[in-house]
N, C-alpha and C. Protein backbone atom coordinates (compact mmCIF):
# COMPACT_ATOMS: atom_id res chain seq x y z
N UNK A 1 -11.17 45.01 -12.87
CA UNK A 1 -11.95 43.97 -12.22
C UNK A 1 -11.97 42.70 -13.07
N UNK A 2 -12.17 42.88 -14.38
CA UNK A 2 -12.20 41.74 -15.28
C UNK A 2 -10.86 41.01 -15.27
N UNK A 3 -9.75 41.77 -15.24
CA UNK A 3 -8.43 41.15 -15.22
C UNK A 3 -8.22 40.36 -13.93
N UNK A 4 -8.74 40.88 -12.80
CA UNK A 4 -8.60 40.18 -11.52
C UNK A 4 -9.37 38.86 -11.55
N UNK A 5 -10.58 38.89 -12.14
CA UNK A 5 -11.39 37.67 -12.23
C UNK A 5 -10.68 36.62 -13.08
N UNK A 6 -10.08 37.09 -14.18
CA UNK A 6 -9.36 36.17 -15.05
C UNK A 6 -8.15 35.57 -14.34
N UNK A 7 -7.47 36.40 -13.56
CA UNK A 7 -6.30 35.92 -12.81
C UNK A 7 -6.71 34.87 -11.79
N UNK A 8 -7.83 35.12 -11.07
CA UNK A 8 -8.32 34.16 -10.08
C UNK A 8 -8.70 32.86 -10.77
N UNK A 9 -9.39 32.96 -11.92
CA UNK A 9 -9.81 31.78 -12.66
C UNK A 9 -8.60 30.96 -13.10
N UNK A 10 -7.55 31.66 -13.56
CA UNK A 10 -6.34 30.97 -14.00
C UNK A 10 -5.69 30.21 -12.84
N UNK A 11 -5.64 30.83 -11.66
CA UNK A 11 -5.06 30.17 -10.49
C UNK A 11 -5.85 28.93 -10.12
N UNK A 12 -7.18 29.05 -10.15
CA UNK A 12 -8.04 27.89 -9.83
C UNK A 12 -7.80 26.75 -10.80
N UNK A 13 -7.70 27.07 -12.08
CA UNK A 13 -7.47 26.04 -13.11
C UNK A 13 -6.13 25.36 -12.88
N UNK A 14 -5.10 26.16 -12.59
CA UNK A 14 -3.76 25.60 -12.37
C UNK A 14 -3.73 24.70 -11.14
N UNK A 15 -4.38 25.15 -10.06
CA UNK A 15 -4.43 24.32 -8.86
C UNK A 15 -5.18 23.03 -9.11
N UNK A 16 -6.29 23.12 -9.83
CA UNK A 16 -7.08 21.93 -10.16
C UNK A 16 -6.25 20.97 -11.00
N UNK A 17 -5.51 21.49 -11.95
CA UNK A 17 -4.68 20.64 -12.80
C UNK A 17 -3.61 19.96 -11.98
N UNK A 18 -3.05 20.69 -11.00
CA UNK A 18 -2.01 20.10 -10.15
C UNK A 18 -2.57 18.92 -9.37
N UNK A 19 -3.80 19.07 -8.84
CA UNK A 19 -4.42 18.00 -8.07
C UNK A 19 -4.74 16.81 -8.96
N UNK A 20 -5.31 17.07 -10.13
CA UNK A 20 -5.72 16.01 -11.04
C UNK A 20 -4.53 15.18 -11.49
N UNK A 21 -3.42 15.84 -11.80
CA UNK A 21 -2.29 15.14 -12.39
C UNK A 21 -1.21 14.77 -11.38
N UNK A 22 -1.47 15.05 -10.08
CA UNK A 22 -0.47 14.72 -9.06
C UNK A 22 -0.37 13.20 -8.92
N UNK A 23 0.73 12.63 -9.35
CA UNK A 23 0.97 11.20 -9.28
C UNK A 23 2.43 10.97 -9.59
N UNK A 24 2.83 9.70 -9.76
CA UNK A 24 4.20 9.45 -10.16
C UNK A 24 4.48 10.16 -11.47
N UNK A 25 5.64 10.79 -11.62
CA UNK A 25 5.95 11.51 -12.85
C UNK A 25 6.06 10.57 -14.04
N UNK A 26 5.72 11.07 -15.22
CA UNK A 26 5.86 10.27 -16.43
C UNK A 26 7.34 10.05 -16.72
N UNK A 27 7.72 8.83 -17.14
CA UNK A 27 9.12 8.58 -17.47
C UNK A 27 9.52 9.33 -18.74
N UNK A 28 10.78 9.72 -18.83
CA UNK A 28 11.30 10.41 -20.01
C UNK A 28 12.18 9.47 -20.84
N UNK A 29 12.34 8.23 -20.36
CA UNK A 29 13.09 7.21 -21.07
C UNK A 29 12.23 5.97 -21.23
N UNK A 30 12.63 5.06 -22.10
CA UNK A 30 11.90 3.80 -22.22
C UNK A 30 11.87 3.07 -20.90
N UNK A 31 13.00 3.07 -20.20
CA UNK A 31 13.12 2.46 -18.88
C UNK A 31 14.33 3.05 -18.19
N UNK A 32 14.41 2.84 -16.88
CA UNK A 32 15.53 3.35 -16.09
C UNK A 32 15.85 2.31 -15.02
N UNK A 33 16.54 1.27 -15.41
CA UNK A 33 16.92 0.21 -14.48
C UNK A 33 18.06 0.72 -13.61
N UNK A 34 17.92 0.55 -12.31
CA UNK A 34 18.97 0.98 -11.39
C UNK A 34 19.60 -0.24 -10.72
N UNK A 35 20.88 -0.15 -10.37
CA UNK A 35 21.50 -1.26 -9.63
C UNK A 35 20.74 -1.52 -8.35
N UNK A 36 20.62 -2.78 -7.94
CA UNK A 36 19.84 -3.13 -6.76
C UNK A 36 20.33 -2.41 -5.52
N UNK A 37 21.60 -2.12 -5.46
CA UNK A 37 22.16 -1.46 -4.27
C UNK A 37 21.67 -0.03 -4.13
N UNK A 38 21.18 0.57 -5.23
CA UNK A 38 20.75 1.97 -5.15
C UNK A 38 19.48 2.19 -5.96
N UNK A 39 18.56 1.21 -5.89
CA UNK A 39 17.34 1.30 -6.68
C UNK A 39 16.47 2.45 -6.18
N UNK A 40 16.58 3.57 -6.83
CA UNK A 40 15.83 4.76 -6.45
C UNK A 40 15.78 5.67 -7.66
N UNK A 41 14.60 6.26 -7.91
CA UNK A 41 14.43 7.07 -9.11
C UNK A 41 15.33 8.30 -9.12
N UNK A 42 15.92 8.65 -7.96
CA UNK A 42 16.80 9.81 -7.91
C UNK A 42 18.24 9.47 -8.30
N UNK A 43 18.53 8.19 -8.52
CA UNK A 43 19.86 7.78 -8.89
C UNK A 43 19.95 7.58 -10.40
N UNK A 44 21.17 7.47 -10.89
CA UNK A 44 21.39 7.30 -12.33
C UNK A 44 20.89 5.94 -12.78
N UNK A 45 20.50 5.89 -14.04
CA UNK A 45 20.05 4.63 -14.63
C UNK A 45 21.27 3.81 -15.06
N UNK A 46 21.08 2.51 -15.07
CA UNK A 46 22.11 1.63 -15.60
C UNK A 46 22.25 1.90 -17.10
N UNK A 47 23.46 1.83 -17.62
CA UNK A 47 23.67 2.01 -19.05
C UNK A 47 22.78 1.03 -19.81
N UNK A 48 22.03 1.54 -20.78
CA UNK A 48 21.06 0.69 -21.49
C UNK A 48 21.71 -0.51 -22.17
N UNK A 49 22.98 -0.39 -22.54
CA UNK A 49 23.67 -1.51 -23.18
C UNK A 49 23.94 -2.64 -22.19
N UNK A 50 23.88 -2.32 -20.88
CA UNK A 50 24.12 -3.33 -19.85
C UNK A 50 22.83 -3.96 -19.34
N UNK A 51 21.69 -3.44 -19.80
CA UNK A 51 20.40 -3.96 -19.36
C UNK A 51 20.07 -5.24 -20.12
N UNK A 52 19.56 -6.24 -19.40
CA UNK A 52 19.17 -7.50 -20.02
C UNK A 52 17.74 -7.84 -19.62
N UNK A 53 17.22 -8.89 -20.20
CA UNK A 53 15.86 -9.33 -19.89
C UNK A 53 15.72 -9.70 -18.42
N UNK A 54 16.82 -10.10 -17.78
CA UNK A 54 16.76 -10.46 -16.37
C UNK A 54 16.39 -9.28 -15.50
N UNK A 55 16.66 -8.06 -15.97
CA UNK A 55 16.29 -6.87 -15.21
C UNK A 55 14.78 -6.65 -15.19
N UNK A 56 14.07 -7.32 -16.08
CA UNK A 56 12.63 -7.12 -16.19
C UNK A 56 11.83 -8.35 -15.76
N UNK A 57 12.48 -9.28 -15.08
CA UNK A 57 11.78 -10.44 -14.53
C UNK A 57 12.13 -10.57 -13.05
N UNK A 58 11.20 -11.16 -12.30
CA UNK A 58 11.37 -11.28 -10.85
C UNK A 58 10.69 -12.56 -10.38
N UNK A 59 11.39 -13.35 -9.59
CA UNK A 59 10.85 -14.64 -9.15
C UNK A 59 10.68 -14.72 -7.63
N UNK A 60 10.77 -13.59 -6.95
CA UNK A 60 10.77 -13.58 -5.50
C UNK A 60 9.45 -13.85 -4.82
N UNK A 61 8.36 -13.93 -5.60
CA UNK A 61 7.05 -14.19 -4.98
C UNK A 61 6.40 -15.46 -5.55
N UNK A 62 7.23 -16.38 -6.01
CA UNK A 62 6.71 -17.64 -6.56
C UNK A 62 6.05 -18.49 -5.48
N UNK A 63 6.56 -18.38 -4.25
CA UNK A 63 6.08 -19.24 -3.18
C UNK A 63 5.52 -18.40 -2.03
N UNK A 64 4.63 -18.98 -1.23
CA UNK A 64 4.03 -18.23 -0.11
C UNK A 64 5.08 -17.76 0.89
N UNK A 65 4.79 -16.65 1.54
CA UNK A 65 5.66 -16.16 2.59
C UNK A 65 5.43 -16.93 3.88
N UNK A 66 6.24 -16.66 4.88
CA UNK A 66 6.15 -17.35 6.17
C UNK A 66 5.17 -16.61 7.08
N UNK A 67 4.01 -17.18 7.29
CA UNK A 67 3.00 -16.56 8.15
C UNK A 67 2.80 -17.35 9.45
N UNK A 68 3.72 -18.22 9.78
CA UNK A 68 3.54 -19.12 10.92
C UNK A 68 3.42 -18.39 12.25
N UNK A 69 4.07 -17.24 12.41
CA UNK A 69 4.06 -16.54 13.70
C UNK A 69 2.87 -15.61 13.86
N UNK A 70 2.50 -14.92 12.80
CA UNK A 70 1.45 -13.90 12.90
C UNK A 70 0.16 -14.24 12.16
N UNK A 71 0.21 -15.25 11.30
CA UNK A 71 -0.96 -15.59 10.49
C UNK A 71 -1.03 -14.80 9.20
N UNK A 72 -0.06 -13.91 8.98
CA UNK A 72 -0.08 -13.06 7.79
C UNK A 72 1.34 -12.76 7.35
N UNK A 73 1.55 -12.76 6.04
CA UNK A 73 2.86 -12.41 5.49
C UNK A 73 2.66 -11.54 4.25
N UNK A 74 3.47 -10.48 4.14
CA UNK A 74 3.41 -9.60 2.97
C UNK A 74 4.80 -9.46 2.38
N UNK A 75 4.92 -9.67 1.07
CA UNK A 75 6.20 -9.53 0.37
C UNK A 75 6.08 -8.44 -0.68
N UNK A 76 6.55 -7.22 -0.38
CA UNK A 76 6.46 -6.11 -1.34
C UNK A 76 7.39 -6.35 -2.53
N UNK A 77 6.92 -5.92 -3.69
CA UNK A 77 7.74 -5.98 -4.91
C UNK A 77 7.80 -4.57 -5.47
N UNK A 78 8.92 -3.89 -5.22
CA UNK A 78 9.09 -2.53 -5.70
C UNK A 78 10.47 -2.40 -6.33
N UNK A 79 10.86 -1.19 -6.70
CA UNK A 79 12.12 -1.01 -7.41
C UNK A 79 13.33 -1.32 -6.55
N UNK A 80 13.15 -1.40 -5.24
CA UNK A 80 14.26 -1.77 -4.37
C UNK A 80 14.69 -3.22 -4.56
N UNK A 81 13.72 -4.08 -4.88
CA UNK A 81 14.04 -5.50 -5.08
C UNK A 81 13.89 -5.91 -6.55
N UNK A 82 13.21 -5.10 -7.33
CA UNK A 82 12.95 -5.39 -8.74
C UNK A 82 13.25 -4.11 -9.52
N UNK A 83 14.55 -3.84 -9.82
CA UNK A 83 14.96 -2.56 -10.42
C UNK A 83 14.28 -2.23 -11.74
N UNK A 84 13.79 -3.24 -12.45
CA UNK A 84 13.11 -2.97 -13.71
C UNK A 84 11.84 -2.15 -13.56
N UNK A 85 11.29 -2.08 -12.34
CA UNK A 85 10.08 -1.29 -12.09
C UNK A 85 10.37 0.20 -11.95
N UNK A 86 11.64 0.56 -11.78
CA UNK A 86 11.98 1.95 -11.51
C UNK A 86 11.45 2.90 -12.58
N UNK A 87 10.79 3.95 -12.16
CA UNK A 87 10.17 5.02 -12.96
C UNK A 87 8.93 4.59 -13.73
N UNK A 88 8.46 3.36 -13.56
CA UNK A 88 7.30 2.89 -14.32
C UNK A 88 5.98 3.15 -13.61
N UNK A 89 6.03 3.69 -12.40
CA UNK A 89 4.80 4.08 -11.72
C UNK A 89 3.95 2.94 -11.24
N UNK A 90 4.58 1.83 -10.84
CA UNK A 90 3.80 0.70 -10.35
C UNK A 90 4.63 -0.14 -9.40
N UNK A 91 3.95 -0.93 -8.57
CA UNK A 91 4.59 -1.87 -7.66
C UNK A 91 3.55 -2.92 -7.27
N UNK A 92 4.01 -3.95 -6.55
CA UNK A 92 3.14 -5.07 -6.23
C UNK A 92 3.36 -5.52 -4.79
N UNK A 93 2.51 -6.43 -4.34
CA UNK A 93 2.74 -7.12 -3.08
C UNK A 93 2.05 -8.49 -3.14
N UNK A 94 2.73 -9.50 -2.64
CA UNK A 94 2.08 -10.79 -2.45
C UNK A 94 1.78 -10.92 -0.96
N UNK A 95 0.53 -11.25 -0.64
CA UNK A 95 0.12 -11.43 0.74
C UNK A 95 -0.42 -12.83 0.93
N UNK A 96 0.03 -13.49 1.99
CA UNK A 96 -0.42 -14.85 2.30
C UNK A 96 -1.03 -14.87 3.69
N UNK A 97 -2.12 -15.62 3.84
CA UNK A 97 -2.89 -15.66 5.08
C UNK A 97 -3.04 -17.10 5.56
N UNK A 98 -2.76 -17.32 6.82
CA UNK A 98 -3.14 -18.58 7.44
C UNK A 98 -4.66 -18.56 7.65
N UNK A 99 -5.23 -19.68 7.99
CA UNK A 99 -6.66 -19.71 8.29
C UNK A 99 -6.95 -18.75 9.44
N UNK A 100 -7.85 -17.80 9.21
CA UNK A 100 -8.17 -16.80 10.21
C UNK A 100 -7.21 -15.62 10.24
N UNK A 101 -6.16 -15.64 9.40
CA UNK A 101 -5.19 -14.57 9.38
C UNK A 101 -5.77 -13.27 8.86
N UNK A 102 -5.24 -12.14 9.34
CA UNK A 102 -5.78 -10.83 8.94
C UNK A 102 -4.67 -9.90 8.45
N UNK A 103 -5.06 -9.01 7.54
CA UNK A 103 -4.26 -7.85 7.17
C UNK A 103 -4.95 -6.68 7.84
N UNK A 104 -4.35 -6.13 8.90
CA UNK A 104 -5.02 -5.15 9.75
C UNK A 104 -5.44 -3.91 8.94
N UNK A 105 -6.45 -3.17 9.42
CA UNK A 105 -6.84 -1.95 8.73
C UNK A 105 -5.64 -1.04 8.49
N UNK A 106 -5.52 -0.58 7.25
CA UNK A 106 -4.37 0.24 6.84
C UNK A 106 -4.76 1.03 5.61
N UNK A 107 -3.85 1.90 5.15
CA UNK A 107 -4.11 2.61 3.90
C UNK A 107 -2.80 2.94 3.21
N UNK A 108 -2.90 3.23 1.92
CA UNK A 108 -1.75 3.62 1.10
C UNK A 108 -1.99 5.05 0.62
N UNK A 109 -1.24 6.02 1.13
CA UNK A 109 -1.51 7.43 0.82
C UNK A 109 -1.25 7.83 -0.62
N UNK A 110 -0.47 7.04 -1.36
CA UNK A 110 -0.08 7.46 -2.70
C UNK A 110 -0.53 6.52 -3.81
N UNK A 111 -1.42 5.57 -3.51
CA UNK A 111 -1.77 4.63 -4.58
C UNK A 111 -3.14 3.99 -4.36
N UNK A 112 -3.79 3.69 -5.47
CA UNK A 112 -4.95 2.79 -5.50
C UNK A 112 -4.42 1.37 -5.61
N UNK A 113 -5.08 0.44 -4.94
CA UNK A 113 -4.65 -0.96 -4.97
C UNK A 113 -5.73 -1.84 -5.58
N UNK A 114 -5.33 -2.75 -6.45
CA UNK A 114 -6.23 -3.81 -6.90
C UNK A 114 -5.70 -5.12 -6.33
N UNK A 115 -6.57 -5.89 -5.72
CA UNK A 115 -6.17 -7.14 -5.06
C UNK A 115 -6.82 -8.32 -5.78
N UNK A 116 -5.99 -9.18 -6.35
CA UNK A 116 -6.44 -10.37 -7.08
C UNK A 116 -6.25 -11.59 -6.18
N UNK A 117 -7.31 -12.35 -5.96
CA UNK A 117 -7.24 -13.51 -5.08
C UNK A 117 -6.65 -14.69 -5.84
N UNK A 118 -5.48 -15.14 -5.39
CA UNK A 118 -4.82 -16.29 -6.00
C UNK A 118 -5.39 -17.60 -5.49
N UNK A 119 -5.64 -17.65 -4.18
CA UNK A 119 -6.18 -18.84 -3.53
C UNK A 119 -7.02 -18.43 -2.33
N UNK A 120 -8.09 -19.19 -2.07
CA UNK A 120 -8.83 -19.02 -0.83
C UNK A 120 -10.02 -18.07 -0.92
N UNK A 121 -10.55 -17.77 0.26
CA UNK A 121 -11.71 -16.88 0.41
C UNK A 121 -11.36 -15.81 1.43
N UNK A 122 -11.44 -14.56 1.03
CA UNK A 122 -10.99 -13.46 1.87
C UNK A 122 -12.09 -12.42 2.05
N UNK A 123 -12.44 -12.17 3.32
CA UNK A 123 -13.33 -11.05 3.63
C UNK A 123 -12.52 -9.79 3.44
N UNK A 124 -12.98 -8.94 2.53
CA UNK A 124 -12.16 -7.82 2.08
C UNK A 124 -13.03 -6.58 1.92
N UNK A 125 -12.49 -5.43 2.30
CA UNK A 125 -13.30 -4.23 2.15
C UNK A 125 -12.56 -2.95 2.47
N UNK A 126 -13.26 -1.82 2.28
CA UNK A 126 -12.71 -0.51 2.61
C UNK A 126 -13.82 0.38 3.16
N UNK A 127 -13.40 1.47 3.78
CA UNK A 127 -14.33 2.44 4.38
C UNK A 127 -14.07 3.80 3.75
N UNK A 128 -15.14 4.46 3.27
CA UNK A 128 -14.93 5.76 2.64
C UNK A 128 -14.94 6.87 3.68
N UNK A 129 -14.81 8.12 3.22
CA UNK A 129 -14.66 9.24 4.15
C UNK A 129 -15.96 9.62 4.85
N UNK A 130 -17.07 9.00 4.47
CA UNK A 130 -18.31 9.20 5.22
C UNK A 130 -18.58 8.02 6.14
N UNK A 131 -17.54 7.17 6.32
CA UNK A 131 -17.60 5.98 7.17
C UNK A 131 -18.58 4.92 6.67
N UNK A 132 -18.78 4.90 5.37
CA UNK A 132 -19.59 3.84 4.75
C UNK A 132 -18.67 2.69 4.39
N UNK A 133 -19.05 1.47 4.75
CA UNK A 133 -18.21 0.31 4.50
C UNK A 133 -18.64 -0.41 3.22
N UNK A 134 -17.66 -0.86 2.46
CA UNK A 134 -17.88 -1.65 1.25
C UNK A 134 -17.08 -2.94 1.45
N UNK A 135 -17.74 -4.03 1.75
CA UNK A 135 -17.02 -5.26 2.09
C UNK A 135 -17.80 -6.49 1.65
N UNK A 136 -17.08 -7.52 1.27
CA UNK A 136 -17.67 -8.81 0.92
C UNK A 136 -16.57 -9.86 0.91
N UNK A 137 -16.96 -11.12 0.78
CA UNK A 137 -16.00 -12.20 0.65
C UNK A 137 -15.65 -12.35 -0.83
N UNK A 138 -14.37 -12.23 -1.15
CA UNK A 138 -13.92 -12.43 -2.52
C UNK A 138 -13.16 -13.76 -2.58
N UNK A 139 -13.33 -14.47 -3.68
CA UNK A 139 -12.78 -15.81 -3.81
C UNK A 139 -11.76 -15.89 -4.93
N UNK A 140 -11.13 -17.04 -5.06
CA UNK A 140 -10.10 -17.27 -6.07
C UNK A 140 -10.57 -16.80 -7.45
N UNK A 141 -9.72 -15.99 -8.10
CA UNK A 141 -10.04 -15.48 -9.43
C UNK A 141 -10.76 -14.16 -9.43
N UNK A 142 -11.17 -13.67 -8.26
CA UNK A 142 -11.89 -12.39 -8.18
C UNK A 142 -10.94 -11.26 -7.78
N UNK A 143 -11.36 -10.04 -8.10
CA UNK A 143 -10.53 -8.85 -7.85
C UNK A 143 -11.35 -7.82 -7.09
N UNK A 144 -10.67 -7.11 -6.17
CA UNK A 144 -11.31 -5.97 -5.50
C UNK A 144 -10.36 -4.80 -5.57
N UNK A 145 -10.93 -3.60 -5.69
CA UNK A 145 -10.10 -2.40 -5.76
C UNK A 145 -10.30 -1.56 -4.50
N UNK A 146 -9.19 -0.99 -4.00
CA UNK A 146 -9.21 -0.12 -2.84
C UNK A 146 -8.76 1.27 -3.29
N UNK A 147 -9.65 2.26 -3.30
CA UNK A 147 -9.27 3.61 -3.75
C UNK A 147 -8.14 4.19 -2.92
N UNK A 148 -7.35 5.01 -3.56
CA UNK A 148 -6.18 5.61 -2.92
C UNK A 148 -6.53 6.34 -1.63
N UNK A 149 -5.75 6.07 -0.59
CA UNK A 149 -5.89 6.78 0.66
C UNK A 149 -7.00 6.32 1.57
N UNK A 150 -7.81 5.33 1.14
CA UNK A 150 -8.92 4.88 1.99
C UNK A 150 -8.51 3.66 2.81
N UNK A 151 -8.98 3.62 4.05
CA UNK A 151 -8.70 2.51 4.95
C UNK A 151 -9.30 1.23 4.40
N UNK A 152 -8.51 0.14 4.40
CA UNK A 152 -9.02 -1.15 3.94
C UNK A 152 -8.42 -2.28 4.76
N UNK A 153 -8.93 -3.49 4.57
CA UNK A 153 -8.61 -4.61 5.45
C UNK A 153 -8.93 -5.93 4.74
N UNK A 154 -8.39 -7.02 5.28
CA UNK A 154 -8.63 -8.35 4.72
C UNK A 154 -8.53 -9.40 5.82
N UNK A 155 -9.32 -10.48 5.69
CA UNK A 155 -9.25 -11.59 6.63
C UNK A 155 -9.59 -12.89 5.90
N UNK A 156 -8.79 -13.90 6.13
CA UNK A 156 -9.04 -15.21 5.53
C UNK A 156 -10.19 -15.88 6.28
N UNK A 157 -11.31 -16.07 5.59
CA UNK A 157 -12.48 -16.70 6.21
C UNK A 157 -12.71 -18.10 5.68
N UNK A 158 -11.74 -18.63 4.92
CA UNK A 158 -11.86 -19.97 4.39
C UNK A 158 -11.28 -21.01 5.33
N UNK A 159 -11.31 -22.25 4.90
CA UNK A 159 -10.80 -23.37 5.69
C UNK A 159 -9.37 -23.74 5.33
N UNK A 160 -8.79 -23.03 4.36
CA UNK A 160 -7.43 -23.31 3.91
C UNK A 160 -6.67 -21.98 3.81
N UNK A 161 -5.33 -22.02 3.75
CA UNK A 161 -4.57 -20.78 3.57
C UNK A 161 -5.00 -20.05 2.30
N UNK A 162 -4.82 -18.74 2.31
CA UNK A 162 -5.23 -17.90 1.17
C UNK A 162 -4.09 -17.00 0.76
N UNK A 163 -4.14 -16.56 -0.51
CA UNK A 163 -3.11 -15.67 -1.05
C UNK A 163 -3.73 -14.64 -1.98
N UNK A 164 -3.17 -13.45 -1.99
CA UNK A 164 -3.58 -12.43 -2.94
C UNK A 164 -2.36 -11.80 -3.58
N UNK A 165 -2.56 -11.20 -4.74
CA UNK A 165 -1.54 -10.38 -5.40
C UNK A 165 -2.11 -8.97 -5.51
N UNK A 166 -1.45 -8.03 -4.83
CA UNK A 166 -1.90 -6.65 -4.87
C UNK A 166 -1.06 -5.85 -5.84
N UNK A 167 -1.70 -4.97 -6.60
CA UNK A 167 -1.01 -4.13 -7.57
C UNK A 167 -1.31 -2.67 -7.26
N UNK A 168 -0.26 -1.82 -7.30
CA UNK A 168 -0.39 -0.40 -6.98
C UNK A 168 -0.02 0.46 -8.18
N UNK A 169 -0.72 1.57 -8.35
CA UNK A 169 -0.40 2.48 -9.45
C UNK A 169 0.59 3.55 -9.00
N UNK A 170 1.57 3.13 -8.21
CA UNK A 170 2.65 4.01 -7.77
C UNK A 170 3.88 3.18 -7.48
N UNK A 171 5.04 3.75 -7.77
CA UNK A 171 6.29 3.07 -7.45
C UNK A 171 6.49 3.00 -5.94
N UNK A 172 5.92 3.96 -5.22
CA UNK A 172 6.07 4.02 -3.76
C UNK A 172 4.72 4.36 -3.14
N UNK A 173 3.84 3.37 -2.98
CA UNK A 173 2.47 3.63 -2.52
C UNK A 173 2.37 4.10 -1.08
N UNK A 174 3.38 3.78 -0.26
CA UNK A 174 3.31 4.10 1.15
C UNK A 174 2.38 3.14 1.87
N UNK A 175 2.59 3.00 3.17
CA UNK A 175 1.76 2.09 3.98
C UNK A 175 1.69 2.61 5.40
N UNK A 176 0.47 2.76 5.91
CA UNK A 176 0.30 3.12 7.32
C UNK A 176 -0.74 2.19 7.93
N UNK A 177 -0.28 1.37 8.89
CA UNK A 177 -1.17 0.45 9.59
C UNK A 177 -1.80 1.18 10.77
N UNK A 178 -3.11 1.13 10.86
CA UNK A 178 -3.83 1.92 11.86
C UNK A 178 -3.45 1.56 13.30
N UNK A 179 -3.43 0.27 13.68
CA UNK A 179 -3.08 -0.04 15.08
C UNK A 179 -1.69 0.47 15.46
N UNK A 180 -0.72 0.30 14.58
CA UNK A 180 0.64 0.75 14.88
C UNK A 180 0.72 2.27 14.91
N UNK A 181 0.01 2.93 13.98
CA UNK A 181 0.03 4.39 13.94
C UNK A 181 -0.55 4.99 15.22
N UNK A 182 -1.58 4.34 15.78
CA UNK A 182 -2.24 4.89 16.96
C UNK A 182 -1.51 4.53 18.25
N UNK A 183 -1.20 3.24 18.39
CA UNK A 183 -0.66 2.78 19.67
C UNK A 183 0.86 2.59 19.67
N UNK A 184 1.48 2.69 18.51
CA UNK A 184 2.92 2.47 18.45
C UNK A 184 3.73 3.68 18.07
N UNK A 185 3.09 4.84 18.02
CA UNK A 185 3.78 6.04 17.53
C UNK A 185 4.18 7.01 18.63
N UNK A 186 3.76 6.76 19.86
CA UNK A 186 4.11 7.67 20.95
C UNK A 186 3.09 8.75 21.24
N UNK A 187 1.86 8.60 20.75
CA UNK A 187 0.80 9.55 21.09
C UNK A 187 0.58 9.52 22.61
N UNK A 188 0.35 10.66 23.20
CA UNK A 188 0.20 10.78 24.65
C UNK A 188 -0.90 9.83 25.16
N UNK A 189 -0.61 9.07 26.20
CA UNK A 189 -1.54 8.06 26.70
C UNK A 189 -2.86 8.67 27.16
N UNK A 190 -2.81 9.84 27.78
CA UNK A 190 -4.03 10.48 28.25
C UNK A 190 -5.00 10.74 27.11
N UNK A 191 -4.47 11.16 25.97
CA UNK A 191 -5.32 11.40 24.80
C UNK A 191 -5.96 10.09 24.33
N UNK A 192 -5.18 9.02 24.27
CA UNK A 192 -5.71 7.73 23.83
C UNK A 192 -6.77 7.21 24.79
N UNK A 193 -6.57 7.41 26.07
CA UNK A 193 -7.56 6.98 27.06
C UNK A 193 -8.90 7.68 26.81
N UNK A 194 -8.84 8.98 26.56
CA UNK A 194 -10.07 9.75 26.34
C UNK A 194 -10.70 9.42 24.99
N UNK A 195 -9.86 9.20 23.98
CA UNK A 195 -10.38 8.94 22.63
C UNK A 195 -11.09 7.59 22.54
N UNK A 196 -10.57 6.59 23.24
CA UNK A 196 -11.11 5.23 23.10
C UNK A 196 -11.85 4.74 24.34
N UNK A 197 -11.88 5.54 25.39
CA UNK A 197 -12.59 5.13 26.59
C UNK A 197 -11.97 3.92 27.27
N UNK A 198 -10.65 3.80 27.18
CA UNK A 198 -9.94 2.67 27.75
C UNK A 198 -9.15 3.11 28.98
N UNK A 199 -8.87 2.15 29.84
CA UNK A 199 -8.09 2.44 31.04
C UNK A 199 -6.62 2.61 30.68
N UNK A 200 -5.87 3.22 31.61
CA UNK A 200 -4.44 3.39 31.40
C UNK A 200 -3.76 2.04 31.24
N UNK A 201 -4.25 1.04 31.97
CA UNK A 201 -3.67 -0.30 31.89
C UNK A 201 -3.89 -0.90 30.50
N UNK A 202 -5.10 -0.72 29.96
CA UNK A 202 -5.41 -1.26 28.63
C UNK A 202 -4.58 -0.57 27.55
N UNK A 203 -4.42 0.75 27.68
CA UNK A 203 -3.62 1.50 26.72
C UNK A 203 -2.17 1.04 26.77
N UNK A 204 -1.65 0.85 27.98
CA UNK A 204 -0.26 0.41 28.13
C UNK A 204 -0.06 -0.97 27.49
N UNK A 205 -1.05 -1.83 27.62
CA UNK A 205 -0.97 -3.17 27.03
C UNK A 205 -0.93 -3.08 25.51
N UNK A 206 -1.76 -2.22 24.95
CA UNK A 206 -1.80 -2.05 23.50
C UNK A 206 -0.50 -1.43 22.99
N UNK A 207 0.01 -0.46 23.72
CA UNK A 207 1.26 0.19 23.30
C UNK A 207 2.42 -0.81 23.33
N UNK A 208 2.43 -1.65 24.32
CA UNK A 208 3.48 -2.67 24.40
C UNK A 208 3.42 -3.61 23.20
N UNK A 209 2.20 -3.89 22.73
CA UNK A 209 2.02 -4.80 21.61
C UNK A 209 2.44 -4.18 20.28
N UNK A 210 2.18 -2.87 20.11
CA UNK A 210 2.36 -2.26 18.80
C UNK A 210 3.59 -1.35 18.67
N UNK A 211 4.26 -1.02 19.77
CA UNK A 211 5.48 -0.22 19.65
C UNK A 211 6.54 -1.02 18.89
N UNK A 212 7.14 -0.43 17.84
CA UNK A 212 8.17 -1.15 17.07
C UNK A 212 9.34 -1.58 17.95
N UNK A 213 9.83 -2.78 17.71
CA UNK A 213 10.94 -3.30 18.50
C UNK A 213 12.21 -3.27 17.66
């Protein structure tokens, strides 16, 4: 009986350790720069003698993105476009908002995000698993953190365009936008009608808007 209890305890400890330490794996090299054509941690690293300082700098987010059509623009910075990030367990995004522009409710399943406001005033927040909301207007120079896997959102409430720099503690944080996941994924219309209390016509309109083209 004592041996069985010890075995169960050992399994619990191992499972707990797996959950606690589940994240991007620790690198086994100083760095692993990959060619841009195959920037992926599963591919071979560039020979270290061929690596230069240019592999560790990136200028692709110096200027705002084009938000003229939707009011919002996001420019991800990951190892696909910045090979020096490969295996380092981090990535970024620059987001730009027109006046009134929004970043729709979404979440990142594999990363916590910190959002630093470069310019403007942004209503920003997240909702926890008990449906409690944490939201406020953050301004230039301020930072807000969004815990991993929790739904969050942003809206420019200022009188001028706004920009943020988001940082993730994962090379591949993942992204799921709630409107697209619900109305653009092919979920049966009857279920959506019952879930949201909307007519078939309203559901069809939403699906037309969010189905990927």
